Amino acid sequence: IGAFFRYGYACSLKNDITHFCSFGCQYQGLFCGRDDDVLGLGFAYGAFSDSADVTYTEDCEKVTELYYSAQVTEWLNLSPSVQYVTNPGGSNAASDAIVMGLRAGMVF
């Protein structure tokens, strides 16, 4: 079992997102015989600057992600994920979104 936390700050004069944090946890070896696979759950939060060039109708964007990273071969891992995005693009005109993805990682 592992956990992570990240925080970042950027000057509001040059960046639309001034504060960012993400945190989550993951579990490796959930299934027998799949010792290198990882199941994870994460949350990310980005706060929009009041002095941004673009007018944001919401103060922040939030993302919750569930992913599973499967070690397919020694050099290839595939990671399907599903994300739930609240206030996409900082707009209240857009509905919350569900985003499905697939990442591939290769080691040479």
C-alpha atoms as a PDB file:
ATOM      1  CA  ILE A   1       0.000   0.000   0.000  1.00  0.00           C
ATOM      2  CA  GLY A   2       1.338   3.418  -0.908  1.00  0.00           C
ATOM      3  CA  ALA A   3       0.192   7.016  -0.721  1.00  0.00           C
ATOM      4  CA  PHE A   4       1.178  10.232  -2.462  1.00  0.00           C
ATOM      5  CA  PHE A   5       0.694  13.974  -2.031  1.00  0.00           C
ATOM      6  CA  ARG A   6       1.792  16.877  -4.243  1.00  0.00           C
ATOM      7  CA  TYR A   7       1.394  20.620  -3.911  1.00  0.00           C
ATOM      8  CA  GLY A   8       2.400  23.342  -6.312  1.00  0.00           C
ATOM      9  CA  TYR A   9       2.191  27.118  -6.376  1.00  0.00           C
ATOM     10  CA  ALA A  10       2.617  29.438  -9.364  1.00  0.00           C
ATOM     11  CA  CYS A  11       2.581  33.222  -9.563  1.00  0.00           C
ATOM     12  CA  SER A  12      -0.869  34.504 -10.574  1.00  0.00           C
ATOM     13  CA  LEU A  13       0.626  37.159 -12.870  1.00  0.00           C
ATOM     14  CA  LYS A  14       1.751  34.495 -15.351  1.00  0.00           C
ATOM     15  CA  ASN A  15      -0.381  31.435 -14.598  1.00  0.00           C
ATOM     16  CA  ASP A  16      -4.102  30.764 -14.617  1.00  0.00           C
ATOM     17  CA  ILE A  17      -3.796  28.061 -11.947  1.00  0.00           C
ATOM     18  CA  THR A  18      -2.062  29.375  -8.832  1.00  0.00           C
ATOM     19  CA  HIS A  19      -2.497  26.482  -6.408  1.00  0.00           C
ATOM     20  CA  PHE A  20      -2.517  22.800  -7.265  1.00  0.00           C
ATOM     21  CA  CYS A  21      -2.622  19.763  -5.024  1.00  0.00           C
ATOM     22  CA  SER A  22      -3.161  16.083  -5.582  1.00  0.00           C
ATOM     23  CA  PHE A  23      -3.230  13.102  -3.290  1.00  0.00           C
ATOM     24  CA  GLY A  24      -4.195   9.475  -3.388  1.00  0.00           C
ATOM     25  CA  CYS A  25      -3.329   5.907  -2.579  1.00  0.00           C
ATOM     26  CA  GLN A  26      -2.506   2.756  -4.463  1.00  0.00           C
ATOM     27  CA  TYR A  27      -2.344  -0.944  -3.752  1.00  0.00           C
ATOM     28  CA  GLN A  28       0.152  -3.205  -5.505  1.00  0.00           C
ATOM     29  CA  GLY A  29      -0.446  -6.939  -5.965  1.00  0.00           C
ATOM     30  CA  LEU A  30      -4.208  -6.964  -5.458  1.00  0.00           C
ATOM     31  CA  PHE A  31      -4.679 -10.247  -7.338  1.00  0.00           C
ATOM     32  CA  CYS A  32      -2.732 -13.514  -6.939  1.00  0.00           C
ATOM     33  CA  GLY A  33      -0.091 -13.890  -9.637  1.00  0.00           C
ATOM     34  CA  ARG A  34      -0.303 -10.155 -10.525  1.00  0.00           C
ATOM     35  CA  ASP A  35       2.336  -8.850  -8.093  1.00  0.00           C
ATOM     36  CA  ASP A  36       3.363  -5.884 -10.276  1.00  0.00           C
ATOM     37  CA  ASP A  37      -0.152  -4.611 -11.018  1.00  0.00           C
ATOM     38  CA  VAL A  38      -1.370  -1.503  -9.187  1.00  0.00           C
ATOM     39  CA  LEU A  39      -4.883  -0.273  -8.327  1.00  0.00           C
ATOM     40  CA  GLY A  40      -5.049   3.420  -7.469  1.00  0.00           C
ATOM     41  CA  LEU A  41      -7.417   6.205  -6.505  1.00  0.00           C
ATOM     42  CA  GLY A  42      -6.408   9.862  -6.707  1.00  0.00           C
ATOM     43  CA  PHE A  43      -7.837  13.351  -6.333  1.00  0.00           C
ATOM     44  CA  ALA A  44      -6.539  16.610  -7.852  1.00  0.00           C
ATOM     45  CA  TYR A  45      -7.539  20.230  -7.215  1.00  0.00           C
ATOM     46  CA  GLY A  46      -6.515  23.295  -9.210  1.00  0.00           C
ATOM     47  CA  ALA A  47      -7.460  26.821  -8.047  1.00  0.00           C
ATOM     48  CA  PHE A  48      -7.846  29.485 -10.727  1.00  0.00           C
ATOM     49  CA  SER A  49      -6.250  32.899 -10.344  1.00  0.00           C
ATOM     50  CA  ASP A  50      -8.463  35.969  -9.904  1.00  0.00           C
ATOM     51  CA  SER A  51      -6.093  37.875 -12.193  1.00  0.00           C
ATOM     52  CA  ALA A  52      -6.156  35.359 -15.073  1.00  0.00           C
ATOM     53  CA  ASP A  53      -6.580  36.613 -18.646  1.00  0.00           C
ATOM     54  CA  VAL A  54      -9.588  34.332 -18.998  1.00  0.00           C
ATOM     55  CA  THR A  55     -12.640  34.891 -16.810  1.00  0.00           C
ATOM     56  CA  TYR A  56     -13.425  31.675 -14.967  1.00  0.00           C
ATOM     57  CA  THR A  57     -16.942  31.263 -13.629  1.00  0.00           C
ATOM     58  CA  GLU A  58     -15.761  28.715 -11.062  1.00  0.00           C
ATOM     59  CA  ASP A  59     -12.907  29.044  -8.553  1.00  0.00           C
ATOM     60  CA  CYS A  60     -11.424  25.609  -9.221  1.00  0.00           C
ATOM     61  CA  GLU A  61     -11.411  22.386 -11.197  1.00  0.00           C
ATOM     62  CA  LYS A  62     -11.410  19.018  -9.400  1.00  0.00           C
ATOM     63  CA  VAL A  63     -10.613  15.563 -10.735  1.00  0.00           C
ATOM     64  CA  THR A  64     -11.107  12.159  -9.121  1.00  0.00           C
ATOM     65  CA  GLU A  65      -9.385   9.254 -10.875  1.00  0.00           C
ATOM     66  CA  LEU A  66      -9.542   5.485 -10.503  1.00  0.00           C
ATOM     67  CA  TYR A  67      -6.905   3.510 -12.395  1.00  0.00           C
ATOM     68  CA  TYR A  68      -5.485   0.020 -12.760  1.00  0.00           C
ATOM     69  CA  SER A  69      -1.944  -0.444 -14.040  1.00  0.00           C
ATOM     70  CA  ALA A  70      -1.376  -3.925 -15.501  1.00  0.00           C
ATOM     71  CA  GLN A  71       2.156  -5.190 -16.143  1.00  0.00           C
ATOM     72  CA  VAL A  72       1.584  -6.906 -19.509  1.00  0.00           C
ATOM     73  CA  THR A  73       5.215  -7.821 -20.254  1.00  0.00           C
ATOM     74  CA  GLU A  74       8.616  -6.956 -18.733  1.00  0.00           C
ATOM     75  CA  TRP A  75       8.688  -3.820 -20.850  1.00  0.00           C
ATOM     76  CA  LEU A  76       4.988  -2.890 -21.286  1.00  0.00           C
ATOM     77  CA  ASN A  77       2.370  -1.760 -18.852  1.00  0.00           C
ATOM     78  CA  LEU A  78      -1.196  -0.680 -19.702  1.00  0.00           C
ATOM     79  CA  SER A  79      -3.260   1.489 -17.417  1.00  0.00           C
ATOM     80  CA  PRO A  80      -6.963   2.077 -18.076  1.00  0.00           C
ATOM     81  CA  SER A  81      -8.505   4.861 -16.025  1.00  0.00           C
ATOM     82  CA  VAL A  82     -11.742   6.681 -15.418  1.00  0.00           C
ATOM     83  CA  GLN A  83     -11.829  10.302 -14.253  1.00  0.00           C
ATOM     84  CA  TYR A  84     -14.676  12.405 -12.921  1.00  0.00           C
ATOM     85  CA  VAL A  85     -14.054  16.113 -13.600  1.00  0.00           C
ATOM     86  CA  THR A  86     -15.936  18.786 -11.656  1.00  0.00           C
ATOM     87  CA  ASN A  87     -16.091  22.290 -13.190  1.00  0.00           C
ATOM     88  CA  PRO A  88     -14.188  21.337 -16.366  1.00  0.00           C
ATOM     89  CA  GLY A  89     -12.221  24.300 -17.662  1.00  0.00           C
ATOM     90  CA  GLY A  90     -13.386  26.395 -14.714  1.00  0.00           C
ATOM     91  CA  SER A  91     -16.771  26.947 -16.321  1.00  0.00           C
ATOM     92  CA  ASN A  92     -20.223  26.474 -14.860  1.00  0.00           C
ATOM     93  CA  ALA A  93     -21.553  26.354 -18.443  1.00  0.00           C
ATOM     94  CA  ALA A  94     -19.984  22.928 -18.929  1.00  0.00           C
ATOM     95  CA  SER A  95     -21.424  19.879 -17.198  1.00  0.00           C
ATOM     96  CA  ASP A  96     -19.234  17.722 -15.004  1.00  0.00           C
ATOM     97  CA  ALA A  97     -17.480  15.170 -17.196  1.00  0.00           C
ATOM     98  CA  ILE A  98     -16.485  11.519 -17.125  1.00  0.00           C
ATOM     99  CA  VAL A  99     -13.268  10.836 -19.019  1.00  0.00           C
ATOM    100  CA  MET A 100     -12.007   7.361 -19.843  1.00  0.00           C
ATOM    101  CA  GLY A 101      -8.416   6.824 -20.877  1.00  0.00           C
ATOM    102  CA  LEU A 102      -5.712   4.277 -21.525  1.00  0.00           C
ATOM    103  CA  ARG A 103      -2.019   4.908 -20.882  1.00  0.00           C
ATOM    104  CA  ALA A 104       0.822   2.754 -22.117  1.00  0.00           C
ATOM    105  CA  GLY A 105       4.265   2.717 -20.543  1.00  0.00           C
ATOM    106  CA  MET A 106       7.263   1.105 -22.259  1.00  0.00           C
ATOM    107  CA  VAL A 107      10.757   0.514 -20.903  1.00  0.00           C
ATOM    108  CA  PHE A 108      13.589  -0.042 -23.374  1.00  0.00           C
END
